[in-house]
Amino acid sequence: MPDESCADATPTRAQLGSPCPAVTLTVVEVQVVTVAMDLPAAIKFDDLMANPTVMQDLKANVAQSFATAAGVHVGYVTVSFERKTSRRLDARKSSLRRLTADGVKANAQIVAPQGQSVTDVSTAITGAASTLASDVVQAVLDTPNIESAAPGETITSLRAARTSMISAAQTSYNSYGGPQVAVVSMTLDSNSALATAVASNTVTTTTTTVATTTVGATTTTAAPTTNATTTLPSEGVLGGSRTLAAMTVSTAAAVFIAVSA
């Protein structure tokens, strides 16, 4: 609970005999598998962001598609949506280009579950590449009210374009290079099950102690530079993908919003 909540709560924690405990936060760099794919061109970034409910539902559906391809529980997958800007020649002057409406790129980060390595996850995704594009497109079409993020389209017209959408999605998957291994940062409660689980797959670890009104010193310690197999909790222990999504630090211009479980 935030410090200010402790101060303003009624009855107070002091009255309840429950003072705010110090929380030790650990920042770890963990190996994950990353996969990227463009969503159908009809889906526009600004329109999608303008409707948080549709965006969250879409994110959950797309995360499930990546989880299915990887053969993992959706709790090990986080998805971010990134603005995809393209340009085309201006009809009046061929030497000029102008921005077109922004599309959406889906970026997935997948943590290898207990008993699997990032190589296992990457191999699984590669093996499912032929169906991943179809599954992601279907995830888009199955999202309630998705037409609100596609100006000028109806759900009927979107569904009619399904075949071309799959082809475009497959092309984008190939252009982004398929699954790749990367290192991302996560901020965890050092006493949490997930922090303990990822310890064998970290690159560096930074620990910060947060008390009621003060933040303690920050120290950085070395950890193993590589470890092919993670030791995450079994399914159900994570408490859903919200846990991972809330803790992963977003990069570049990616829009990072937690995936609902």
C-alpha atoms as a PDB file:
ATOM      1  CA  MET A   1       0.000   0.000   0.000  1.00  0.00           C
ATOM      2  CA  PRO A   2       1.385   3.515  -0.825  1.00  0.00           C
ATOM      3  CA  ASP A   3       2.871   5.515   2.050  1.00  0.00           C
ATOM      4  CA  GLU A   4       0.276   8.263   1.744  1.00  0.00           C
ATOM      5  CA  SER A   5      -2.477   5.686   2.140  1.00  0.00           C
ATOM      6  CA  CYS A   6      -0.958   4.639   5.444  1.00  0.00           C
ATOM      7  CA  ALA A   7      -1.048   8.245   6.667  1.00  0.00           C
ATOM      8  CA  ASP A   8      -4.598   9.050   5.577  1.00  0.00           C
ATOM      9  CA  ALA A   9      -6.361   5.762   6.326  1.00  0.00           C
ATOM     10  CA  THR A  10      -9.173   5.714   8.927  1.00  0.00           C
ATOM     11  CA  PRO A  11      -8.823   3.974  11.282  1.00  0.00           C
ATOM     12  CA  THR A  12      -5.079   4.415  11.085  1.00  0.00           C
ATOM     13  CA  ARG A  13      -2.667   1.526  11.024  1.00  0.00           C
ATOM     14  CA  ALA A  14      -1.401   2.679  14.414  1.00  0.00           C
ATOM     15  CA  GLN A  15      -4.919   2.396  15.847  1.00  0.00           C
ATOM     16  CA  LEU A  16      -5.165  -1.073  14.394  1.00  0.00           C
ATOM     17  CA  GLY A  17      -1.746  -1.989  15.740  1.00  0.00           C
ATOM     18  CA  SER A  18      -0.556  -2.596  12.184  1.00  0.00           C
ATOM     19  CA  PRO A  19       2.248  -0.176  11.260  1.00  0.00           C
ATOM     20  CA  CYS A  20       3.415   0.108   7.643  1.00  0.00           C
ATOM     21  CA  PRO A  21       6.255  -2.387   7.293  1.00  0.00           C
ATOM     22  CA  ALA A  22       9.375  -1.680   5.288  1.00  0.00           C
ATOM     23  CA  VAL A  23       9.253  -3.233   1.839  1.00  0.00           C
ATOM     24  CA  THR A  24      12.388  -4.363   0.066  1.00  0.00           C
ATOM     25  CA  LEU A  25      12.109  -3.955  -3.680  1.00  0.00           C
ATOM     26  CA  THR A  26      14.431  -5.874  -5.956  1.00  0.00           C
ATOM     27  CA  VAL A  27      15.114  -4.823  -9.540  1.00  0.00           C
ATOM     28  CA  VAL A  28      16.228  -7.809 -11.573  1.00  0.00           C
ATOM     29  CA  GLU A  29      17.175  -8.240 -15.204  1.00  0.00           C
ATOM     30  CA  VAL A  30      15.669 -11.454 -16.503  1.00  0.00           C
ATOM     31  CA  GLN A  31      15.932 -13.354 -19.773  1.00  0.00           C
ATOM     32  CA  VAL A  32      12.649 -13.504 -21.680  1.00  0.00           C
ATOM     33  CA  VAL A  33      11.505 -14.439 -25.160  1.00  0.00           C
ATOM     34  CA  THR A  34      10.214 -11.498 -27.177  1.00  0.00           C
ATOM     35  CA  VAL A  35       7.868 -11.708 -30.153  1.00  0.00           C
ATOM     36  CA  ALA A  36       6.355  -8.887 -32.213  1.00  0.00           C
ATOM     37  CA  MET A  37       3.526  -8.751 -34.710  1.00  0.00           C
ATOM     38  CA  ASP A  38       1.454  -6.000 -36.293  1.00  0.00           C
ATOM     39  CA  LEU A  39      -2.257  -5.996 -35.587  1.00  0.00           C
ATOM     40  CA  PRO A  40      -4.590  -5.589 -38.587  1.00  0.00           C
ATOM     41  CA  ALA A  41      -4.031  -2.235 -40.297  1.00  0.00           C
ATOM     42  CA  ALA A  42      -7.653  -1.238 -39.732  1.00  0.00           C
ATOM     43  CA  ILE A  43      -6.975  -0.991 -35.974  1.00  0.00           C
ATOM     44  CA  LYS A  44      -5.690   2.503 -35.224  1.00  0.00           C
ATOM     45  CA  PHE A  45      -3.532   3.272 -32.215  1.00  0.00           C
ATOM     46  CA  ASP A  46      -5.237   6.474 -31.068  1.00  0.00           C
ATOM     47  CA  ASP A  47      -8.721   5.012 -31.411  1.00  0.00           C
ATOM     48  CA  LEU A  48      -7.658   1.930 -29.466  1.00  0.00           C
ATOM     49  CA  MET A  49      -6.069   3.977 -26.665  1.00  0.00           C
ATOM     50  CA  ALA A  50      -9.223   6.108 -26.475  1.00  0.00           C
ATOM     51  CA  ASN A  51     -11.205   3.074 -25.346  1.00  0.00           C
ATOM     52  CA  PRO A  52      -9.449   1.486 -22.334  1.00  0.00           C
ATOM     53  CA  THR A  53     -11.963  -1.342 -22.033  1.00  0.00           C
ATOM     54  CA  VAL A  54     -11.491  -2.456 -25.632  1.00  0.00           C
ATOM     55  CA  MET A  55      -7.733  -2.034 -25.303  1.00  0.00           C
ATOM     56  CA  GLN A  56      -7.566  -4.175 -22.156  1.00  0.00           C
ATOM     57  CA  ASP A  57      -9.789  -6.866 -23.666  1.00  0.00           C
ATOM     58  CA  LEU A  58      -7.707  -6.904 -26.832  1.00  0.00           C
ATOM     59  CA  LYS A  59      -4.487  -7.094 -24.858  1.00  0.00           C
ATOM     60  CA  ALA A  60      -5.768 -10.072 -22.877  1.00  0.00           C
ATOM     61  CA  ASN A  61      -6.880 -11.851 -26.062  1.00  0.00           C
ATOM     62  CA  VAL A  62      -3.581 -11.225 -27.845  1.00  0.00           C
ATOM     63  CA  ALA A  63      -1.611 -12.341 -24.781  1.00  0.00           C
ATOM     64  CA  GLN A  64      -3.522 -15.615 -24.791  1.00  0.00           C
ATOM     65  CA  SER A  65      -2.622 -16.159 -28.450  1.00  0.00           C
ATOM     66  CA  PHE A  66       1.087 -15.734 -27.709  1.00  0.00           C
ATOM     67  CA  ALA A  67       0.786 -17.951 -24.627  1.00  0.00           C
ATOM     68  CA  THR A  68      -0.844 -20.707 -26.692  1.00  0.00           C
ATOM     69  CA  ALA A  69       1.940 -20.528 -29.278  1.00  0.00           C
ATOM     70  CA  ALA A  70       4.584 -20.671 -26.539  1.00  0.00           C
ATOM     71  CA  GLY A  71       2.846 -23.493 -24.690  1.00  0.00           C
ATOM     72  CA  VAL A  72       2.754 -21.549 -21.418  1.00  0.00           C
ATOM     73  CA  HIS A  73       0.129 -20.160 -19.066  1.00  0.00           C
ATOM     74  CA  VAL A  74      -0.934 -16.617 -19.978  1.00  0.00           C
ATOM     75  CA  GLY A  75       0.405 -15.516 -16.591  1.00  0.00           C
ATOM     76  CA  TYR A  76       3.924 -15.744 -18.032  1.00  0.00           C
ATOM     77  CA  VAL A  77       3.125 -13.375 -20.904  1.00  0.00           C
ATOM     78  CA  THR A  78       3.035  -9.582 -20.968  1.00  0.00           C
ATOM     79  CA  VAL A  79       1.906  -7.600 -23.994  1.00  0.00           C
ATOM     80  CA  SER A  80       2.486  -3.949 -24.847  1.00  0.00           C
ATOM     81  CA  PHE A  81       0.994  -1.997 -27.714  1.00  0.00           C
ATOM     82  CA  GLU A  82       3.227   0.332 -29.687  1.00  0.00           C
ATOM     83  CA  ARG A  83       2.293   3.050 -32.126  1.00  0.00           C
ATOM     84  CA  LYS A  84       3.211   1.955 -35.654  1.00  0.00           C
ATOM     85  CA  THR A  85       3.703   4.963 -37.905  1.00  0.00           C
ATOM     86  CA  SER A  86       3.966   4.645 -41.656  1.00  0.00           C
ATOM     87  CA  ARG A  87       4.430   7.147 -44.454  1.00  0.00           C
ATOM     88  CA  ARG A  88       3.254   7.252 -48.028  1.00  0.00           C
ATOM     89  CA  LEU A  89       3.850   9.488 -51.027  1.00  0.00           C
ATOM     90  CA  ASP A  90       1.775  12.627 -51.204  1.00  0.00           C
ATOM     91  CA  ALA A  91      -0.334  12.468 -54.386  1.00  0.00           C
ATOM     92  CA  ARG A  92       0.442  16.104 -55.192  1.00  0.00           C
ATOM     93  CA  LYS A  93       4.231  15.886 -54.994  1.00  0.00           C
ATOM     94  CA  SER A  94       5.918  12.525 -55.384  1.00  0.00           C
ATOM     95  CA  SER A  95       8.999  13.810 -53.561  1.00  0.00           C
ATOM     96  CA  LEU A  96       7.039  14.414 -50.373  1.00  0.00           C
ATOM     97  CA  ARG A  97       5.730  11.917 -47.887  1.00  0.00           C
ATOM     98  CA  ARG A  98       3.045  12.314 -45.272  1.00  0.00           C
ATOM     99  CA  LEU A  99       2.078  10.361 -42.201  1.00  0.00           C
ATOM    100  CA  THR A 100      -0.774   7.912 -42.479  1.00  0.00           C
ATOM    101  CA  ALA A 101      -3.022   6.936 -39.583  1.00  0.00           C
ATOM    102  CA  ASP A 102      -1.020   5.073 -36.986  1.00  0.00           C
ATOM    103  CA  GLY A 103      -1.435   1.329 -36.713  1.00  0.00           C
ATOM    104  CA  VAL A 104      -0.642  -0.928 -33.761  1.00  0.00           C
ATOM    105  CA  LYS A 105       2.304  -3.211 -33.136  1.00  0.00           C
ATOM    106  CA  ALA A 106       1.923  -5.883 -30.443  1.00  0.00           C
ATOM    107  CA  ASN A 107       5.044  -6.737 -28.451  1.00  0.00           C
ATOM    108  CA  ALA A 108       5.021  -9.837 -26.257  1.00  0.00           C
ATOM    109  CA  GLN A 109       7.479 -10.789 -23.530  1.00  0.00           C
ATOM    110  CA  ILE A 110       7.335 -14.391 -22.342  1.00  0.00           C
ATOM    111  CA  VAL A 111       9.022 -15.787 -19.242  1.00  0.00           C
ATOM    112  CA  ALA A 112       9.936 -19.469 -19.364  1.00  0.00           C
ATOM    113  CA  PRO A 113       7.989 -21.405 -16.695  1.00  0.00           C
ATOM    114  CA  GLN A 114       9.483 -23.843 -14.247  1.00  0.00           C
ATOM    115  CA  GLY A 115      11.141 -26.751 -16.041  1.00  0.00           C
ATOM    116  CA  GLN A 116      11.492 -24.888 -19.340  1.00  0.00           C
ATOM    117  CA  SER A 117      14.203 -22.690 -20.823  1.00  0.00           C
ATOM    118  CA  VAL A 118      13.924 -19.630 -23.018  1.00  0.00           C
ATOM    119  CA  THR A 119      15.160 -21.869 -25.829  1.00  0.00           C
ATOM    120  CA  ASP A 120      12.209 -24.220 -25.246  1.00  0.00           C
ATOM    121  CA  VAL A 121       9.784 -21.315 -25.413  1.00  0.00           C
ATOM    122  CA  SER A 122      11.417 -19.866 -28.525  1.00  0.00           C
ATOM    123  CA  THR A 123      11.334 -23.264 -30.253  1.00  0.00           C
ATOM    124  CA  ALA A 124       7.660 -23.701 -29.408  1.00  0.00           C
ATOM    125  CA  ILE A 125       6.773 -20.325 -30.905  1.00  0.00           C
ATOM    126  CA  THR A 126       8.743 -21.059 -34.060  1.00  0.00           C
ATOM    127  CA  GLY A 127       6.897 -24.346 -34.416  1.00  0.00           C
ATOM    128  CA  ALA A 128       3.555 -22.581 -34.045  1.00  0.00           C
ATOM    129  CA  ALA A 129       4.416 -19.722 -36.404  1.00  0.00           C
ATOM    130  CA  SER A 130       2.025 -20.968 -39.080  1.00  0.00           C
ATOM    131  CA  THR A 131      -0.960 -20.593 -36.752  1.00  0.00           C
ATOM    132  CA  LEU A 132       0.165 -17.667 -34.581  1.00  0.00           C
ATOM    133  CA  ALA A 133      -0.814 -15.008 -37.121  1.00  0.00           C
ATOM    134  CA  SER A 134      -4.229 -16.587 -37.548  1.00  0.00           C
ATOM    135  CA  ASP A 135      -4.726 -16.796 -33.788  1.00  0.00           C
ATOM    136  CA  VAL A 136      -3.738 -13.160 -33.233  1.00  0.00           C
ATOM    137  CA  VAL A 137      -6.083 -11.954 -35.981  1.00  0.00           C
ATOM    138  CA  GLN A 138      -8.881 -14.044 -34.511  1.00  0.00           C
ATOM    139  CA  ALA A 139      -8.105 -12.590 -31.084  1.00  0.00           C
ATOM    140  CA  VAL A 140      -8.604  -9.143 -32.567  1.00  0.00           C
ATOM    141  CA  LEU A 141     -11.879 -10.061 -34.248  1.00  0.00           C
ATOM    142  CA  ASP A 142     -13.158 -11.732 -31.075  1.00  0.00           C
ATOM    143  CA  THR A 143     -12.585  -8.613 -28.959  1.00  0.00           C
ATOM    144  CA  PRO A 144     -15.931  -7.018 -28.088  1.00  0.00           C
ATOM    145  CA  ASN A 145     -16.514  -3.646 -29.764  1.00  0.00           C
ATOM    146  CA  ILE A 146     -13.187  -3.828 -31.616  1.00  0.00           C
ATOM    147  CA  GLU A 147     -14.762  -1.908 -34.505  1.00  0.00           C
ATOM    148  CA  SER A 148     -14.591   1.203 -32.278  1.00  0.00           C
ATOM    149  CA  ALA A 149     -10.824   1.119 -32.799  1.00  0.00           C
ATOM    150  CA  ALA A 150     -11.203   0.764 -36.583  1.00  0.00           C
ATOM    151  CA  PRO A 151     -12.559   4.021 -38.046  1.00  0.00           C
ATOM    152  CA  GLY A 152     -14.935   3.509 -40.944  1.00  0.00           C
ATOM    153  CA  GLU A 153     -15.192  -0.240 -40.367  1.00  0.00           C
ATOM    154  CA  THR A 154     -17.889  -2.506 -39.010  1.00  0.00           C
ATOM    155  CA  ILE A 155     -17.342  -5.883 -37.419  1.00  0.00           C
ATOM    156  CA  THR A 156     -18.743  -7.409 -40.614  1.00  0.00           C
ATOM    157  CA  SER A 157     -16.234  -5.632 -42.846  1.00  0.00           C
ATOM    158  CA  LEU A 158     -13.395  -6.521 -40.474  1.00  0.00           C
ATOM    159  CA  ARG A 159     -14.318 -10.197 -40.531  1.00  0.00           C
ATOM    160  CA  ALA A 160     -14.555 -10.121 -44.317  1.00  0.00           C
ATOM    161  CA  ALA A 161     -10.921  -9.025 -44.461  1.00  0.00           C
ATOM    162  CA  ARG A 162      -9.690 -11.832 -42.185  1.00  0.00           C
ATOM    163  CA  THR A 163      -7.645 -13.654 -44.839  1.00  0.00           C
ATOM    164  CA  SER A 164      -5.694 -10.577 -45.894  1.00  0.00           C
ATOM    165  CA  MET A 165      -5.203  -9.658 -42.221  1.00  0.00           C
ATOM    166  CA  ILE A 166      -3.589 -13.032 -41.518  1.00  0.00           C
ATOM    167  CA  SER A 167      -1.251 -12.667 -44.472  1.00  0.00           C
ATOM    168  CA  ALA A 168      -0.167  -9.197 -43.331  1.00  0.00           C
ATOM    169  CA  ALA A 169       0.305 -10.377 -39.748  1.00  0.00           C
ATOM    170  CA  GLN A 170       2.485 -13.275 -40.893  1.00  0.00           C
ATOM    171  CA  THR A 171       4.578 -10.911 -42.989  1.00  0.00           C
ATOM    172  CA  SER A 172       5.115  -8.595 -40.025  1.00  0.00           C
ATOM    173  CA  TYR A 173       6.063 -11.527 -37.771  1.00  0.00           C
ATOM    174  CA  ASN A 174       8.726 -12.550 -40.276  1.00  0.00           C
ATOM    175  CA  SER A 175       9.980  -8.984 -40.696  1.00  0.00           C
ATOM    176  CA  TYR A 176      10.486  -8.645 -36.941  1.00  0.00           C
ATOM    177  CA  GLY A 177      12.609 -11.793 -36.919  1.00  0.00           C
ATOM    178  CA  GLY A 178      10.335 -14.159 -35.016  1.00  0.00           C
ATOM    179  CA  PRO A 179      11.082 -15.057 -31.381  1.00  0.00           C
ATOM    180  CA  GLN A 180      14.220 -13.623 -29.837  1.00  0.00           C
ATOM    181  CA  VAL A 181      15.839 -13.768 -26.411  1.00  0.00           C
ATOM    182  CA  ALA A 182      16.205 -10.460 -24.586  1.00  0.00           C
ATOM    183  CA  VAL A 183      16.897  -9.165 -21.090  1.00  0.00           C
ATOM    184  CA  VAL A 184      14.234  -7.015 -19.391  1.00  0.00           C
ATOM    185  CA  SER A 185      13.960  -5.373 -15.983  1.00  0.00           C
ATOM    186  CA  MET A 186      11.400  -6.347 -13.349  1.00  0.00           C
ATOM    187  CA  THR A 187      10.784  -4.671  -9.996  1.00  0.00           C
ATOM    188  CA  LEU A 188       9.699  -7.207  -7.401  1.00  0.00           C
ATOM    189  CA  ASP A 189       9.058  -7.488  -3.687  1.00  0.00           C
ATOM    190  CA  SER A 190      12.175  -9.369  -2.621  1.00  0.00           C
ATOM    191  CA  ASN A 191      10.052 -11.619  -0.387  1.00  0.00           C
ATOM    192  CA  SER A 192       7.668 -12.607  -3.182  1.00  0.00           C
ATOM    193  CA  ALA A 193       7.577 -16.037  -4.753  1.00  0.00           C
ATOM    194  CA  LEU A 194       8.363 -14.568  -8.149  1.00  0.00           C
ATOM    195  CA  ALA A 195      11.488 -12.780  -6.887  1.00  0.00           C
ATOM    196  CA  THR A 196      12.757 -16.054  -5.472  1.00  0.00           C
ATOM    197  CA  ALA A 197      11.859 -17.873  -8.661  1.00  0.00           C
ATOM    198  CA  VAL A 198      13.677 -15.577 -11.079  1.00  0.00           C
ATOM    199  CA  ALA A 199      16.853 -15.460  -8.975  1.00  0.00           C
ATOM    200  CA  SER A 200      18.516 -18.188 -11.024  1.00  0.00           C
ATOM    201  CA  ASN A 201      17.845 -16.355 -14.284  1.00  0.00           C
ATOM    202  CA  THR A 202      18.971 -12.829 -13.445  1.00  0.00           C
ATOM    203  CA  VAL A 203      21.781 -10.754 -14.877  1.00  0.00           C
ATOM    204  CA  THR A 204      21.970  -7.983 -12.242  1.00  0.00           C
ATOM    205  CA  THR A 205      20.042  -7.273  -9.061  1.00  0.00           C
ATOM    206  CA  THR A 206      19.417  -3.908  -7.357  1.00  0.00           C
ATOM    207  CA  THR A 207      17.798  -3.822  -3.908  1.00  0.00           C
ATOM    208  CA  THR A 208      15.968  -0.821  -2.431  1.00  0.00           C
ATOM    209  CA  THR A 209      14.350  -0.732   1.023  1.00  0.00           C
ATOM    210  CA  VAL A 210      11.195   1.385   1.208  1.00  0.00           C
ATOM    211  CA  ALA A 211       9.840   2.305   4.659  1.00  0.00           C
ATOM    212  CA  THR A 212       6.816   4.417   5.638  1.00  0.00           C
ATOM    213  CA  THR A 213       8.428   7.761   4.825  1.00  0.00           C
ATOM    214  CA  THR A 214      11.970   6.972   3.809  1.00  0.00           C
ATOM    215  CA  VAL A 215      13.776   5.117   1.077  1.00  0.00           C
ATOM    216  CA  GLY A 216      16.908   3.310   2.125  1.00  0.00           C
ATOM    217  CA  ALA A 217      20.160   2.927   0.299  1.00  0.00           C
ATOM    218  CA  THR A 218      20.322   1.212  -3.042  1.00  0.00           C
ATOM    219  CA  THR A 219      22.941  -1.406  -3.718  1.00  0.00           C
ATOM    220  CA  THR A 220      23.782  -3.412  -6.796  1.00  0.00           C
ATOM    221  CA  THR A 221      25.089  -6.934  -6.667  1.00  0.00           C
ATOM    222  CA  ALA A 222      26.271  -9.237  -9.404  1.00  0.00           C
ATOM    223  CA  ALA A 223      24.248 -12.292 -10.371  1.00  0.00           C
ATOM    224  CA  PRO A 224      24.855 -15.100 -12.881  1.00  0.00           C
ATOM    225  CA  THR A 225      25.138 -13.663 -16.381  1.00  0.00           C
ATOM    226  CA  THR A 226      23.361 -16.583 -17.990  1.00  0.00           C
ATOM    227  CA  ASN A 227      21.152 -19.413 -16.928  1.00  0.00           C
ATOM    228  CA  ALA A 228      19.150 -21.185 -19.576  1.00  0.00           C
ATOM    229  CA  THR A 229      16.376 -22.495 -17.335  1.00  0.00           C
ATOM    230  CA  THR A 230      14.138 -20.414 -15.128  1.00  0.00           C
ATOM    231  CA  THR A 231      12.574 -21.758 -11.945  1.00  0.00           C
ATOM    232  CA  LEU A 232       9.270 -19.928 -11.820  1.00  0.00           C
ATOM    233  CA  PRO A 233       6.363 -21.088  -9.638  1.00  0.00           C
ATOM    234  CA  SER A 234       3.823 -23.544 -10.943  1.00  0.00           C
ATOM    235  CA  GLU A 235       0.642 -22.332 -12.624  1.00  0.00           C
ATOM    236  CA  GLY A 236      -1.626 -20.379 -10.327  1.00  0.00           C
ATOM    237  CA  VAL A 237       1.152 -19.180  -8.025  1.00  0.00           C
ATOM    238  CA  LEU A 238       1.752 -15.987 -10.000  1.00  0.00           C
ATOM    239  CA  GLY A 239      -1.752 -14.669  -9.478  1.00  0.00           C
ATOM    240  CA  GLY A 240      -2.249 -14.009 -13.190  1.00  0.00           C
ATOM    241  CA  SER A 241      -0.425 -12.009 -15.808  1.00  0.00           C
ATOM    242  CA  ARG A 242      -1.191  -8.737 -14.026  1.00  0.00           C
ATOM    243  CA  THR A 243       1.681  -9.531 -11.669  1.00  0.00           C
ATOM    244  CA  LEU A 244       4.244  -9.798 -14.437  1.00  0.00           C
ATOM    245  CA  ALA A 245       2.821  -6.947 -16.466  1.00  0.00           C
ATOM    246  CA  ALA A 246       2.854  -4.503 -13.579  1.00  0.00           C
ATOM    247  CA  MET A 247       6.478  -5.283 -12.846  1.00  0.00           C
ATOM    248  CA  THR A 248       8.078  -5.215 -16.290  1.00  0.00           C
ATOM    249  CA  VAL A 249       9.710  -1.924 -17.225  1.00  0.00           C
ATOM    250  CA  SER A 250       8.543  -0.805 -20.667  1.00  0.00           C
ATOM    251  CA  THR A 251      11.090   0.217 -23.290  1.00  0.00           C
ATOM    252  CA  ALA A 252      11.318   2.672 -26.190  1.00  0.00           C
ATOM    253  CA  ALA A 253       7.935   4.079 -27.219  1.00  0.00           C
ATOM    254  CA  ALA A 254       5.999   1.006 -26.253  1.00  0.00           C
ATOM    255  CA  VAL A 255       2.792   1.684 -24.394  1.00  0.00           C
ATOM    256  CA  PHE A 256       2.822  -0.644 -21.418  1.00  0.00           C
ATOM    257  CA  ILE A 257      -0.485  -1.535 -19.812  1.00  0.00           C
ATOM    258  CA  ALA A 258      -1.033  -4.503 -17.527  1.00  0.00           C
ATOM    259  CA  VAL A 259      -2.735  -7.518 -19.026  1.00  0.00           C
ATOM    260  CA  SER A 260      -5.803  -8.522 -17.137  1.00  0.00           C
ATOM    261  CA  ALA A 261      -5.749 -12.052 -15.898  1.00  0.00           C
END
